[in-house]
């Protein structure tokens, strides 16, 4: 699809604020899930749960996110990104604050994580819409890379919370401070809806996709789901796995932060490159999923700090560095309805986020972490292979110049 030149389109005069808001509100939406994964070893004594129940609690987050993703995209198209951000942060604050103040058993975690999942489903689509409307096309690769760095940023914060807050003043304080910080995001909310940087769907117009478009979106959603099975299992169980393998809890938290930084830098670097080069972001995303399977296997079979470091770098950078490219491709190919298209694709990723931690937790409880990591590595490999096969099929049916990024 040919995009208008930046000079020819009325654009938001403050795209930096738009990207910053999209990113920080997304961090708030996903933070409860990653805080649970990072602090689970400390919370277990108070709330009495094992790996299987941890997986179910994280699964509640992603299940609610998946249910909210598509209607959240439609809501954002109708109400605008700003209103959706307000709804999303309200749900996130309720989740974080509820866990900090009210959770006294594992059963209490599930509804509060589901609240956060609703926040995530609404906020992710709103963030994609804000960037599509408020950022010029030539800057959109970096914009989506920054926005997609919100997830590893939440993982980074959760990792730092282990030694700095959880091991000092307690895990409830970590959730409580997170709620206060999320509430403070309302101060940076843009005063008005971003103006359109390109052609997008008008509010109150029902969006329809052609059969070919819907087929491609479904394939992307399935591949995203496979990648998310591995990535979100890692986000939920990384610290627990490292501790079970003999690492100190504080070191495991710091390694989680280190891996998150690697993931952030990977996403930002790919976004910068996407704005300056002609390549197919979905093909690169598929290749990254395939390479990332090596990292998951090292996390499962490796021993010692050295193996943990290598596995962390591979898994977080390759195995979890692809979502920004996925979002860029989906929005760039569906500029008439960016929030609805990203909602469909995101629903697939969130479905993987639901299935992955639940299955991983059950497998670990029955067979151990090595089997769990092997399982998610195989699923991620299948997702990457599916995406590569689909892109090869597209290249055979259309001229190479029609690829995204050309």
Protein backbone atom coordinates (compact mmCIF):
# COMPACT_ATOMS: atom_id res chain seq x y z
CA UNK A 1 0.00 0.00 0.00
CA UNK A 2 1.40 3.39 -0.99
CA UNK A 3 1.64 5.79 1.94
CA UNK A 4 1.43 9.55 1.65
CA UNK A 5 4.52 11.64 2.11
CA UNK A 6 4.95 13.14 5.55
CA UNK A 7 4.59 16.65 4.19
CA UNK A 8 1.31 15.86 2.51
CA UNK A 9 -0.45 14.52 5.60
CA UNK A 10 -1.62 16.45 8.64
CA UNK A 11 0.36 14.95 11.48
CA UNK A 12 0.47 15.21 15.22
CA UNK A 13 2.94 17.99 16.13
CA UNK A 14 4.04 15.98 19.18
CA UNK A 15 4.69 12.42 18.00
CA UNK A 16 7.22 11.88 20.79
CA UNK A 17 4.52 12.40 23.42
CA UNK A 18 2.21 10.06 21.51
CA UNK A 19 4.82 7.27 21.48
CA UNK A 20 5.74 7.89 25.12
CA UNK A 21 2.11 7.67 26.21
CA UNK A 22 1.48 4.54 24.13
CA UNK A 23 4.52 2.86 25.66
CA UNK A 24 4.03 3.80 29.30
CA UNK A 25 0.34 2.94 29.35
CA UNK A 26 1.20 -0.45 27.84
CA UNK A 27 3.82 -0.99 30.56
CA UNK A 28 1.15 -0.36 33.19
CA UNK A 29 -1.24 -2.79 31.53
CA UNK A 30 1.19 -5.74 31.47
CA UNK A 31 3.03 -4.98 34.72
CA UNK A 32 0.80 -7.08 37.05
CA UNK A 33 1.55 -10.29 35.16
CA UNK A 34 5.31 -9.76 35.16
CA UNK A 35 5.36 -8.66 38.79
CA UNK A 36 3.67 -11.94 39.67
CA UNK A 37 6.22 -13.92 37.66
CA UNK A 38 9.17 -12.10 39.20
CA UNK A 39 7.93 -12.13 42.79
CA UNK A 40 6.25 -15.55 42.81
CA UNK A 41 8.97 -17.12 44.97
CA UNK A 42 8.25 -14.55 47.68
CA UNK A 43 4.46 -14.60 47.29
CA UNK A 44 4.16 -18.37 47.47
CA UNK A 45 4.62 -18.56 51.25
CA UNK A 46 1.78 -16.10 51.84
CA UNK A 47 -0.67 -17.14 49.12
CA UNK A 48 0.08 -20.89 48.94
CA UNK A 49 0.40 -21.86 45.27
CA UNK A 50 2.61 -24.12 43.17
CA UNK A 51 3.86 -23.86 39.57
CA UNK A 52 0.59 -25.15 38.13
CA UNK A 53 -1.45 -22.51 39.97
CA UNK A 54 1.05 -19.82 39.02
CA UNK A 55 0.48 -20.79 35.40
CA UNK A 56 -3.28 -20.61 35.87
CA UNK A 57 -3.06 -17.13 37.39
CA UNK A 58 -0.90 -15.83 34.55
CA UNK A 59 -3.21 -17.62 32.13
CA UNK A 60 -6.14 -15.66 33.56
CA UNK A 61 -4.32 -12.47 32.59
CA UNK A 62 -3.76 -13.56 29.01
CA UNK A 63 -7.18 -15.15 28.71
CA UNK A 64 -8.88 -11.90 29.67
CA UNK A 65 -6.51 -10.04 27.34
CA UNK A 66 -7.45 -12.29 24.44
CA UNK A 67 -11.16 -11.82 25.10
CA UNK A 68 -10.73 -8.05 25.28
CA UNK A 69 -8.36 -7.65 22.30
CA UNK A 70 -10.80 -7.59 19.37
CA UNK A 71 -13.58 -5.63 21.14
CA UNK A 72 -10.84 -3.40 22.55
CA UNK A 73 -9.71 -2.62 19.01
CA UNK A 74 -13.25 -1.74 17.98
CA UNK A 75 -13.66 0.36 21.12
CA UNK A 76 -10.50 2.28 20.31
CA UNK A 77 -11.69 2.90 16.74
CA UNK A 78 -14.96 4.32 18.09
CA UNK A 79 -13.87 6.21 21.22
CA UNK A 80 -10.30 7.06 20.31
CA UNK A 81 -6.99 6.17 21.92
CA UNK A 82 -7.20 8.74 24.72
CA UNK A 83 -10.44 7.41 26.22
CA UNK A 84 -9.21 3.84 25.86
CA UNK A 85 -6.01 4.73 27.73
CA UNK A 86 -8.08 6.06 30.64
CA UNK A 87 -10.12 2.85 30.77
CA UNK A 88 -6.98 0.73 30.55
CA UNK A 89 -5.06 2.48 33.30
CA UNK A 90 -8.09 2.35 35.59
CA UNK A 91 -8.19 -1.43 35.24
CA UNK A 92 -4.41 -1.72 35.74
CA UNK A 93 -4.48 0.37 38.93
CA UNK A 94 -7.36 -1.74 40.26
CA UNK A 95 -5.35 -4.90 39.59
CA UNK A 96 -2.09 -3.76 41.15
CA UNK A 97 -3.76 -2.11 44.12
CA UNK A 98 -6.07 -5.06 44.69
CA UNK A 99 -3.20 -7.54 44.81
CA UNK A 100 -1.23 -5.28 47.17
CA UNK A 101 -4.08 -4.65 49.60
CA UNK A 102 -6.58 -7.49 49.31
CA UNK A 103 -4.94 -10.69 48.02
CA UNK A 104 -4.70 -13.26 50.82
CA UNK A 105 -4.84 -16.48 48.78
CA UNK A 106 -4.14 -17.78 45.30
CA UNK A 107 -7.84 -17.55 44.44
CA UNK A 108 -7.68 -13.77 44.90
CA UNK A 109 -4.92 -13.45 42.32
CA UNK A 110 -7.04 -14.79 39.47
CA UNK A 111 -9.70 -12.03 39.30
CA UNK A 112 -7.12 -9.28 39.80
CA UNK A 113 -4.96 -10.71 37.00
CA UNK A 114 -8.09 -10.90 34.82
CA UNK A 115 -8.68 -7.18 35.46
CA UNK A 116 -5.15 -6.49 34.27
CA UNK A 117 -5.82 -8.65 31.22
CA UNK A 118 -8.78 -6.48 30.32
CA UNK A 119 -6.52 -3.46 30.64
CA UNK A 120 -3.98 -5.06 28.33
CA UNK A 121 -6.55 -5.96 25.68
CA UNK A 122 -7.86 -2.39 25.54
CA UNK A 123 -4.52 -0.60 25.89
CA UNK A 124 -2.57 -2.51 23.25
CA UNK A 125 -5.04 -1.67 20.48
CA UNK A 126 -5.32 1.93 21.67
CA UNK A 127 -1.54 2.27 21.58
CA UNK A 128 -1.38 0.95 18.01
CA UNK A 129 -4.12 3.36 16.97
CA UNK A 130 -2.38 6.32 18.61
CA UNK A 131 0.86 5.57 16.76
CA UNK A 132 -0.91 5.00 13.43
CA UNK A 133 -2.68 8.35 13.74
CA UNK A 134 0.00 10.38 15.47
CA UNK A 135 3.34 9.28 13.98
CA UNK A 136 4.53 9.94 10.40
CA UNK A 137 5.11 6.81 8.27
CA UNK A 138 8.87 7.27 8.05
CA UNK A 139 9.14 7.11 11.85
CA UNK A 140 6.65 4.34 12.44
CA UNK A 141 9.17 1.49 12.61
CA UNK A 142 10.97 3.04 15.58
CA UNK A 143 7.64 4.08 17.10
CA UNK A 144 6.32 0.53 17.12
CA UNK A 145 9.67 -0.77 18.35
CA UNK A 146 9.48 1.58 21.33
CA UNK A 147 5.85 0.68 21.98
CA UNK A 148 6.58 -3.05 21.81
CA UNK A 149 9.50 -2.51 24.20
CA UNK A 150 6.86 -1.88 26.87
CA UNK A 151 6.59 -5.62 27.57
CA UNK A 152 10.30 -6.24 28.26
CA UNK A 153 10.33 -2.94 30.16
CA UNK A 154 7.67 -4.36 32.48
CA UNK A 155 9.80 -7.50 32.76
CA UNK A 156 12.82 -5.32 33.56
CA UNK A 157 10.92 -3.53 36.32
CA UNK A 158 9.69 -6.83 37.73
CA UNK A 159 13.24 -8.18 37.79
CA UNK A 160 14.55 -5.11 39.61
CA UNK A 161 11.65 -5.27 42.05
CA UNK A 162 12.89 -8.63 43.36
CA UNK A 163 16.14 -7.45 45.02
CA UNK A 164 15.19 -3.79 45.51
CA UNK A 165 11.67 -4.10 46.93
CA UNK A 166 10.56 -7.71 47.35
CA UNK A 167 13.60 -8.83 49.37
CA UNK A 168 13.71 -5.62 51.43
CA UNK A 169 10.24 -4.29 52.29
CA UNK A 170 8.02 -7.03 50.83
CA UNK A 171 6.20 -8.05 47.67
CA UNK A 172 3.01 -6.16 48.54
CA UNK A 173 4.94 -2.89 48.42
CA UNK A 174 6.10 -3.73 44.91
CA UNK A 175 2.51 -4.04 43.69
CA UNK A 176 1.40 -1.00 45.67
CA UNK A 177 4.13 1.23 44.28
CA UNK A 178 3.28 -0.05 40.82
CA UNK A 179 -0.34 1.03 41.32
CA UNK A 180 0.74 4.52 42.39
CA UNK A 181 3.05 4.84 39.39
CA UNK A 182 0.32 3.68 37.01
CA UNK A 183 -2.10 6.21 38.43
CA UNK A 184 0.47 8.93 37.84
CA UNK A 185 0.42 8.18 34.11
CA UNK A 186 -2.80 10.17 33.80
CA UNK A 187 -0.62 13.28 34.12
CA UNK A 188 1.05 12.56 30.77
CA UNK A 189 -2.14 11.67 28.93
CA UNK A 190 -2.33 13.74 25.71
CA UNK A 191 -4.85 16.57 26.04
CA UNK A 192 -6.45 15.62 22.75
CA UNK A 193 -6.64 12.74 20.32
CA UNK A 194 -3.63 12.50 17.93
CA UNK A 195 -4.40 13.86 14.47
CA UNK A 196 -4.14 11.49 11.57
CA UNK A 197 -0.68 10.95 10.11
CA UNK A 198 -2.13 8.77 7.38
CA UNK A 199 -5.41 7.39 6.18
CA UNK A 200 -7.25 5.43 8.87
CA UNK A 201 -10.80 4.39 9.47
CA UNK A 202 -13.23 7.11 10.45
CA UNK A 203 -14.83 6.71 13.89
CA UNK A 204 -18.23 4.96 14.03
CA UNK A 205 -17.61 3.19 10.68
CA UNK A 206 -17.80 -0.60 10.80
CA UNK A 207 -14.51 -2.08 9.62
CA UNK A 208 -14.50 -5.01 7.16
CA UNK A 209 -11.52 -6.97 5.87
CA UNK A 210 -11.24 -8.73 2.53
CA UNK A 211 -10.94 -12.51 2.64
CA UNK A 212 -7.25 -12.38 1.69
CA UNK A 213 -6.54 -9.80 4.39
CA UNK A 214 -8.37 -11.83 7.01
CA UNK A 215 -6.50 -15.00 6.03
CA UNK A 216 -3.14 -13.27 6.41
CA UNK A 217 -4.16 -11.74 9.74
CA UNK A 218 -5.21 -15.15 11.04
CA UNK A 219 -1.88 -16.69 10.00
CA UNK A 220 -0.01 -13.88 11.74
CA UNK A 221 -2.22 -14.37 14.80
CA UNK A 222 -1.48 -18.11 14.92
CA UNK A 223 2.27 -17.55 14.51
CA UNK A 224 2.18 -14.84 17.17
CA UNK A 225 0.34 -17.23 19.45
CA UNK A 226 3.03 -19.88 19.04
CA UNK A 227 5.75 -17.37 19.79
CA UNK A 228 3.81 -16.08 22.77
CA UNK A 229 3.48 -19.59 24.22
CA UNK A 230 7.24 -19.60 24.70
CA UNK A 231 7.82 -15.92 25.44
CA UNK A 232 5.08 -15.55 28.04
CA UNK A 233 5.96 -18.82 29.72
CA UNK A 234 9.46 -17.42 30.06
CA UNK A 235 8.14 -14.17 31.49
CA UNK A 236 6.12 -16.04 34.10
CA UNK A 237 8.61 -18.78 35.06
CA UNK A 238 12.09 -17.45 34.30
CA UNK A 239 12.91 -16.55 37.91
CA UNK A 240 11.32 -19.70 39.31
CA UNK A 241 13.24 -21.84 36.81
CA UNK A 242 16.57 -20.20 37.61
CA UNK A 243 16.02 -20.61 41.35
CA UNK A 244 15.10 -24.28 40.90
CA UNK A 245 18.36 -24.70 38.98
CA UNK A 246 20.39 -23.49 41.95
CA UNK A 247 20.62 -19.73 41.36
CA UNK A 248 20.05 -17.18 44.12
CA UNK A 249 16.73 -15.31 43.96
CA UNK A 250 18.40 -11.89 43.77
CA UNK A 251 20.66 -13.05 40.91
CA UNK A 252 17.69 -14.56 39.08
CA UNK A 253 15.86 -11.23 39.32
CA UNK A 254 18.87 -9.33 38.02
CA UNK A 255 19.29 -11.78 35.14
CA UNK A 256 15.63 -11.25 34.27
CA UNK A 257 16.35 -7.53 34.09
CA UNK A 258 19.45 -8.16 31.99
CA UNK A 259 17.51 -10.29 29.53
CA UNK A 260 14.79 -7.65 29.37
CA UNK A 261 17.36 -5.01 28.46
CA UNK A 262 18.63 -7.28 25.67
CA UNK A 263 15.06 -7.62 24.42
CA UNK A 264 14.49 -3.87 24.52
CA UNK A 265 17.69 -3.13 22.60
CA UNK A 266 16.82 -5.77 20.00
CA UNK A 267 13.37 -4.29 19.41
CA UNK A 268 14.68 -0.74 19.19
CA UNK A 269 17.48 -1.73 16.83
CA UNK A 270 15.12 -3.59 14.53
CA UNK A 271 12.70 -0.66 14.52
CA UNK A 272 15.47 1.77 13.60
CA UNK A 273 16.62 -0.56 10.84
CA UNK A 274 13.06 -1.03 9.54
CA UNK A 275 12.69 2.71 8.97
CA UNK A 276 15.87 2.80 6.89
CA UNK A 277 15.82 -0.46 4.95
CA UNK A 278 13.54 -2.38 2.62
CA UNK A 279 12.87 -5.81 4.11
CA UNK A 280 9.92 -7.98 5.04
CA UNK A 281 9.38 -7.60 8.81
CA UNK A 282 7.28 -10.75 9.03
CA UNK A 283 10.00 -12.85 7.42
CA UNK A 284 12.54 -11.50 9.91
CA UNK A 285 10.12 -12.12 12.78
CA UNK A 286 9.70 -15.75 11.70
CA UNK A 287 13.45 -16.27 11.49
CA UNK A 288 13.88 -14.79 14.97
CA UNK A 289 11.34 -17.22 16.42
CA UNK A 290 13.25 -20.14 14.93
CA UNK A 291 16.60 -18.91 16.28
CA UNK A 292 15.04 -18.14 19.66
CA UNK A 293 14.21 -21.80 20.18
CA UNK A 294 17.90 -22.38 20.89
CA UNK A 295 17.68 -19.98 23.83
CA UNK A 296 14.70 -21.77 25.34
CA UNK A 297 16.51 -25.10 25.03
CA UNK A 298 19.61 -23.70 26.75
CA UNK A 299 17.44 -22.42 29.60
CA UNK A 300 16.07 -25.93 29.99
CA UNK A 301 19.22 -28.00 29.61
CA UNK A 302 22.06 -25.66 30.60
CA UNK A 303 23.66 -25.52 34.04
CA UNK A 304 25.52 -22.73 35.76
CA UNK A 305 25.56 -18.96 35.38
CA UNK A 306 27.28 -19.09 31.96
CA UNK A 307 24.58 -21.23 30.40
CA UNK A 308 21.90 -19.08 32.03
CA UNK A 309 23.49 -15.99 30.51
CA UNK A 310 23.68 -17.47 26.99
CA UNK A 311 20.15 -18.83 27.14
CA UNK A 312 18.85 -15.52 28.46
CA UNK A 313 20.46 -13.51 25.66
CA UNK A 314 19.15 -15.81 22.92
CA UNK A 315 15.67 -16.23 24.36
CA UNK A 316 15.03 -12.57 25.16
CA UNK A 317 16.60 -11.07 22.03
CA UNK A 318 15.65 -13.56 19.29
CA UNK A 319 12.86 -15.50 20.97
CA UNK A 320 11.12 -12.38 22.29
CA UNK A 321 12.39 -9.56 20.11
CA UNK A 322 9.99 -9.96 17.18
CA UNK A 323 6.65 -8.37 18.33
CA UNK A 324 7.57 -4.86 17.14
CA UNK A 325 8.13 -6.13 13.60
CA UNK A 326 4.83 -7.98 13.77
CA UNK A 327 2.94 -4.84 14.81
CA UNK A 328 4.67 -2.74 12.16
CA UNK A 329 3.70 -5.18 9.41
CA UNK A 330 0.09 -5.54 10.54
CA UNK A 331 -0.53 -1.80 10.83
CA UNK A 332 1.36 -0.93 7.62
CA UNK A 333 -0.69 -3.43 5.60
CA UNK A 334 -4.04 -2.36 7.14
CA UNK A 335 -3.86 1.41 7.46
CA UNK A 336 -7.61 1.71 6.94
CA UNK A 337 -8.22 -0.05 10.28
CA UNK A 338 -5.00 -0.28 12.33
CA UNK A 339 -6.62 -0.88 15.72
CA UNK A 340 -8.96 -3.60 14.45
CA UNK A 341 -6.18 -5.36 12.52
CA UNK A 342 -3.78 -5.22 15.44
CA UNK A 343 -6.59 -6.44 17.70
CA UNK A 344 -6.98 -9.59 15.59
CA UNK A 345 -3.24 -10.25 15.51
CA UNK A 346 -2.90 -9.44 19.19
CA UNK A 347 -5.71 -11.84 20.06
CA UNK A 348 -3.55 -14.64 18.68
CA UNK A 349 -0.58 -13.60 20.77
CA UNK A 350 -2.74 -13.31 23.85
CA UNK A 351 -4.26 -16.73 23.24
CA UNK A 352 -0.73 -18.11 23.23
CA UNK A 353 -0.13 -16.18 26.42
CA UNK A 354 -3.14 -17.94 27.92
CA UNK A 355 -2.21 -21.44 26.81
CA UNK A 356 1.55 -21.19 27.34
CA UNK A 357 1.87 -20.44 31.07
CA UNK A 358 -0.96 -22.83 32.00
CA UNK A 359 0.55 -25.69 29.99
CA UNK A 360 4.09 -24.83 31.10
CA UNK A 361 3.08 -24.76 34.77
CA UNK A 362 1.29 -28.09 34.51
CA UNK A 363 4.19 -29.75 32.68
CA UNK A 364 6.71 -28.40 35.20
CA UNK A 365 4.62 -29.63 38.12
CA UNK A 366 4.46 -33.11 36.56
CA UNK A 367 7.73 -33.52 34.65
CA UNK A 368 10.08 -30.68 35.56
CA UNK A 369 11.47 -27.52 33.97
CA UNK A 370 13.57 -29.25 31.31
CA UNK A 371 10.48 -30.79 29.74
CA UNK A 372 8.63 -27.49 30.00
CA UNK A 373 11.34 -25.56 28.15
CA UNK A 374 11.51 -28.27 25.48
CA UNK A 375 7.77 -28.02 24.92
CA UNK A 376 7.74 -24.24 24.42
CA UNK A 377 10.82 -24.40 22.17
CA UNK A 378 9.02 -26.79 19.82
CA UNK A 379 5.93 -24.58 19.73
CA UNK A 380 7.99 -21.46 18.99
CA UNK A 381 9.80 -23.28 16.18
CA UNK A 382 6.45 -24.24 14.63
CA UNK A 383 5.24 -20.63 14.80
CA UNK A 384 8.35 -19.25 13.15
CA UNK A 385 8.24 -21.90 10.44
CA UNK A 386 4.57 -21.13 9.72
CA UNK A 387 5.34 -17.44 9.30
CA UNK A 388 8.29 -18.12 7.00
CA UNK A 389 6.17 -20.47 4.88
CA UNK A 390 3.38 -17.88 4.62
CA UNK A 391 5.77 -15.11 3.54
CA UNK A 392 7.29 -17.37 0.89
CA UNK A 393 3.79 -18.06 -0.43
CA UNK A 394 3.07 -14.32 -0.57
CA UNK A 395 6.31 -13.65 -2.45
CA UNK A 396 5.34 -16.25 -5.05
CA UNK A 397 1.92 -14.65 -5.62
CA UNK A 398 2.86 -10.94 -5.71
CA UNK A 399 5.86 -8.97 -6.97
CA UNK A 400 8.66 -8.63 -4.48
CA UNK A 401 8.15 -4.88 -4.44
CA UNK A 402 4.78 -5.38 -2.78
CA UNK A 403 6.36 -6.65 0.43
CA UNK A 404 5.98 -4.55 3.53
CA UNK A 405 8.84 -2.13 3.86
CA UNK A 406 9.54 -1.99 0.10
